[in-house]
């Protein structure tokens, strides 16, 4: 059995936006006289738009409907991306190198509007056969839905696919889906030990995810 496709996460793997997400959401919450719960940041990493906006509205206490919270925060994130796209060094080159040997998909917790904007700005739109947001499946990460759906859209099975992830919930999602998991731990938001245990390969940077490294996974 050999790997036929690689499924990338977006935030924390191709673009370094976890700190941007935290900054934008914390500021938004503070404007409404609230503050994050102790575990809010960890819980929201990997959540779908509906899930994290629901958390901010229902649990953190932002006094607005979740749909309004989502629209406001996504608007601010899109504005930040237009100002400057925080690409991770070597990520674009890594995607293109893997695309010469493997089929590629993207399984992200970002909203569709942000996924499309990032890929267009980075010049990566044509590299992926399938792009999927957790908005478009029943459950966000750590549930396996987005990975299972991406693999199905490729017409493959999880056993012949690899995932490239950074966050705890992303690693758990890819592991639960049955993909061979490559972990690229984020320096500021390192994954939990149980999540990292899902990985067949742990690398220090996305540039270490070479075609040869992927080929050795199975």
Protein backbone atom coordinates (compact mmCIF):
# COMPACT_ATOMS: atom_id res chain seq x y z
CA UNK A 1 0.00 0.00 0.00
CA UNK A 2 1.40 3.40 -0.96
CA UNK A 3 0.29 6.99 -0.41
CA UNK A 4 -1.61 8.41 -3.37
CA UNK A 5 -2.80 11.77 -2.01
CA UNK A 6 -1.87 14.38 0.57
CA UNK A 7 -4.54 16.40 2.39
CA UNK A 8 -3.31 19.71 3.79
CA UNK A 9 -4.65 21.79 6.62
CA UNK A 10 -4.46 25.54 5.95
CA UNK A 11 -4.05 27.57 9.13
CA UNK A 12 -0.77 26.75 10.84
CA UNK A 13 0.49 24.68 7.90
CA UNK A 14 0.36 26.96 4.84
CA UNK A 15 -0.40 30.28 6.54
CA UNK A 16 0.63 31.26 10.07
CA UNK A 17 -2.66 32.72 11.28
CA UNK A 18 -3.38 31.18 14.68
CA UNK A 19 -2.06 34.31 16.41
CA UNK A 20 -4.08 36.50 14.03
CA UNK A 21 -7.25 34.54 14.78
CA UNK A 22 -6.62 34.86 18.51
CA UNK A 23 -5.88 38.58 18.31
CA UNK A 24 -8.96 39.33 16.21
CA UNK A 25 -11.34 37.22 18.30
CA UNK A 26 -10.00 38.44 21.64
CA UNK A 27 -10.37 42.06 20.53
CA UNK A 28 -13.89 41.42 19.29
CA UNK A 29 -14.89 39.73 22.54
CA UNK A 30 -13.35 42.56 24.60
CA UNK A 31 -15.31 45.17 22.64
CA UNK A 32 -18.45 43.47 23.92
CA UNK A 33 -17.28 43.46 27.54
CA UNK A 34 -16.35 39.79 27.67
CA UNK A 35 -13.14 37.76 27.77
CA UNK A 36 -12.05 34.32 26.64
CA UNK A 37 -12.62 31.36 28.93
CA UNK A 38 -9.38 29.64 30.04
CA UNK A 39 -9.74 26.96 27.35
CA UNK A 40 -11.39 29.03 24.60
CA UNK A 41 -8.35 29.34 22.34
CA UNK A 42 -7.49 25.63 22.47
CA UNK A 43 -11.09 24.61 21.93
CA UNK A 44 -11.65 26.90 18.95
CA UNK A 45 -8.58 25.69 17.03
CA UNK A 46 -10.11 23.37 14.45
CA UNK A 47 -13.73 24.30 15.11
CA UNK A 48 -15.97 25.14 12.18
CA UNK A 49 -17.30 28.69 11.78
CA UNK A 50 -20.65 27.73 13.27
CA UNK A 51 -18.96 26.04 16.21
CA UNK A 52 -16.53 28.81 17.22
CA UNK A 53 -19.06 31.59 16.70
CA UNK A 54 -21.50 29.60 18.82
CA UNK A 55 -18.86 29.26 21.51
CA UNK A 56 -18.24 33.01 21.56
CA UNK A 57 -21.96 33.81 21.65
CA UNK A 58 -23.27 31.08 23.93
CA UNK A 59 -20.38 30.34 26.28
CA UNK A 60 -18.14 33.41 26.27
CA UNK A 61 -21.23 35.60 26.29
CA UNK A 62 -20.92 37.97 23.33
CA UNK A 63 -24.46 39.44 23.27
CA UNK A 64 -25.14 38.84 19.59
CA UNK A 65 -26.44 35.90 17.52
CA UNK A 66 -23.72 33.45 16.48
CA UNK A 67 -24.32 34.23 12.79
CA UNK A 68 -23.58 37.93 13.43
CA UNK A 69 -20.48 37.04 15.44
CA UNK A 70 -19.24 34.88 12.58
CA UNK A 71 -19.86 37.57 9.96
CA UNK A 72 -18.11 40.24 12.03
CA UNK A 73 -15.03 38.16 12.81
CA UNK A 74 -14.70 36.77 9.27
CA UNK A 75 -14.91 40.28 7.89
CA UNK A 76 -12.05 41.37 10.12
CA UNK A 77 -9.98 38.32 9.19
CA UNK A 78 -10.51 38.95 5.48
CA UNK A 79 -9.38 42.54 5.95
CA UNK A 80 -6.22 41.36 7.70
CA UNK A 81 -5.49 38.93 4.85
CA UNK A 82 -5.90 41.72 2.31
CA UNK A 83 -3.35 43.78 4.22
CA UNK A 84 -0.82 40.97 4.46
CA UNK A 85 -0.99 37.22 3.87
CA UNK A 86 1.19 35.49 6.49
CA UNK A 87 2.49 32.61 4.40
CA UNK A 88 4.69 30.13 6.23
CA UNK A 89 8.17 30.14 4.65
CA UNK A 90 8.51 27.33 2.13
CA UNK A 91 4.85 26.26 2.32
CA UNK A 92 3.95 27.21 -1.26
CA UNK A 93 7.02 25.44 -2.61
CA UNK A 94 6.22 22.36 -0.50
CA UNK A 95 2.67 22.16 -1.86
CA UNK A 96 3.89 22.44 -5.44
CA UNK A 97 6.64 19.84 -4.96
CA UNK A 98 4.19 17.33 -3.47
CA UNK A 99 1.69 18.08 -6.23
CA UNK A 100 4.13 16.76 -8.82
CA UNK A 101 3.96 13.30 -7.26
CA UNK A 102 0.68 13.12 -5.31
CA UNK A 103 -2.91 14.22 -5.68
CA UNK A 104 -3.67 17.09 -3.31
CA UNK A 105 -6.65 18.19 -1.25
CA UNK A 106 -7.23 20.83 1.41
CA UNK A 107 -9.31 20.26 4.56
CA UNK A 108 -9.59 23.46 6.57
CA UNK A 109 -11.54 24.88 9.47
CA UNK A 110 -11.47 28.29 7.82
CA UNK A 111 -14.58 29.62 6.14
CA UNK A 112 -14.90 29.11 2.39
CA UNK A 113 -14.47 32.83 1.74
CA UNK A 114 -11.10 32.82 3.52
CA UNK A 115 -9.89 29.57 1.91
CA UNK A 116 -10.57 30.87 -1.59
CA UNK A 117 -8.93 34.22 -0.88
CA UNK A 118 -5.79 32.67 0.60
CA UNK A 119 -5.31 30.19 -2.26
CA UNK A 120 -5.85 32.87 -4.89
CA UNK A 121 -3.41 35.30 -3.24
CA UNK A 122 -0.82 32.55 -2.75
CA UNK A 123 -1.18 31.29 -6.32
CA UNK A 124 -2.23 27.83 -5.14
CA UNK A 125 -5.80 27.57 -6.41
CA UNK A 126 -4.91 25.17 -9.20
CA UNK A 127 -2.79 22.89 -7.02
CA UNK A 128 -5.68 21.24 -5.16
CA UNK A 129 -8.23 18.87 -6.71
CA UNK A 130 -10.49 19.25 -3.67
CA UNK A 131 -10.81 22.08 -1.17
CA UNK A 132 -13.17 21.69 1.76
CA UNK A 133 -14.21 23.83 4.71
CA UNK A 134 -15.60 22.39 7.91
CA UNK A 135 -18.56 24.70 7.19
CA UNK A 136 -19.43 22.19 4.47
CA UNK A 137 -19.57 19.08 6.67
CA UNK A 138 -21.65 18.15 9.70
CA UNK A 139 -18.93 18.50 12.35
CA UNK A 140 -15.68 20.39 12.66
CA UNK A 141 -12.36 19.03 13.86
CA UNK A 142 -11.61 16.98 16.01
CA UNK A 143 -14.41 14.99 14.34
CA UNK A 144 -13.08 13.24 11.21
CA UNK A 145 -15.82 14.52 8.88
CA UNK A 146 -13.79 17.00 6.84
CA UNK A 147 -11.02 14.47 6.17
CA UNK A 148 -13.39 11.64 5.34
CA UNK A 149 -15.30 13.88 2.92
CA UNK A 150 -12.13 15.20 1.26
CA UNK A 151 -10.85 11.66 0.73
CA UNK A 152 -14.21 10.54 -0.64
CA UNK A 153 -14.26 13.47 -3.09
CA UNK A 154 -10.87 12.29 -4.34
CA UNK A 155 -12.39 8.84 -4.88
CA UNK A 156 -9.85 7.27 -2.51
CA UNK A 157 -9.76 5.58 0.89
CA UNK A 158 -8.06 7.01 4.00
CA UNK A 159 -5.45 4.24 3.96
CA UNK A 160 -3.79 5.70 0.86
CA UNK A 161 -3.89 9.31 2.01
CA UNK A 162 -1.66 11.42 4.26
CA UNK A 163 -2.65 14.50 6.24
CA UNK A 164 -0.46 17.47 7.17
CA UNK A 165 -1.64 19.10 10.40
CA UNK A 166 -0.43 21.34 13.21
CA UNK A 167 -3.14 21.65 15.88
CA UNK A 168 -4.43 19.21 18.46
CA UNK A 169 -7.91 19.06 17.00
CA UNK A 170 -6.59 18.75 13.46
CA UNK A 171 -4.30 15.88 14.38
CA UNK A 172 -7.14 14.14 16.19
CA UNK A 173 -9.44 14.60 13.19
CA UNK A 174 -6.94 13.19 10.70
CA UNK A 175 -6.07 10.30 13.00
CA UNK A 176 -9.73 9.45 13.59
CA UNK A 177 -10.30 9.44 9.83
CA UNK A 178 -7.54 6.87 9.36
CA UNK A 179 -5.07 8.91 7.32
CA UNK A 180 -1.31 8.68 7.81
CA UNK A 181 -0.72 11.80 9.89
CA UNK A 182 2.21 14.20 9.56
CA UNK A 183 2.48 16.69 12.42
CA UNK A 184 4.05 20.11 11.97
CA UNK A 185 3.72 21.43 15.55
CA UNK A 186 3.14 25.15 15.92
CA UNK A 187 5.75 26.80 18.12
CA UNK A 188 3.28 29.06 19.94
CA UNK A 189 0.36 26.61 20.10
CA UNK A 190 1.94 23.15 20.42
CA UNK A 191 -0.41 20.16 20.16
CA UNK A 192 -1.37 18.12 23.20
CA UNK A 193 0.56 14.88 23.77
CA UNK A 194 -2.44 12.67 22.97
CA UNK A 195 -2.95 14.51 19.66
CA UNK A 196 0.72 14.33 18.73
CA UNK A 197 0.57 10.59 19.35
CA UNK A 198 -1.67 10.34 16.27
CA UNK A 199 1.27 11.27 14.04
CA UNK A 200 3.28 8.76 12.07
CA UNK A 201 5.82 11.51 11.38
CA UNK A 202 6.65 14.69 13.31
CA UNK A 203 8.66 17.38 11.53
CA UNK A 204 10.10 20.68 12.61
CA UNK A 205 8.94 22.64 9.56
CA UNK A 206 6.58 22.14 6.64
CA UNK A 207 9.57 22.15 4.28
CA UNK A 208 10.50 18.74 5.74
CA UNK A 209 7.32 17.29 4.26
CA UNK A 210 9.03 16.13 1.09
CA UNK A 211 7.77 13.61 -1.48
CA UNK A 212 10.30 11.14 -0.11
CA UNK A 213 9.09 11.61 3.49
CA UNK A 214 5.48 11.06 2.42
CA UNK A 215 6.45 8.00 0.41
CA UNK A 216 8.00 6.38 3.50
CA UNK A 217 4.83 6.67 5.59
CA UNK A 218 3.16 3.38 4.67
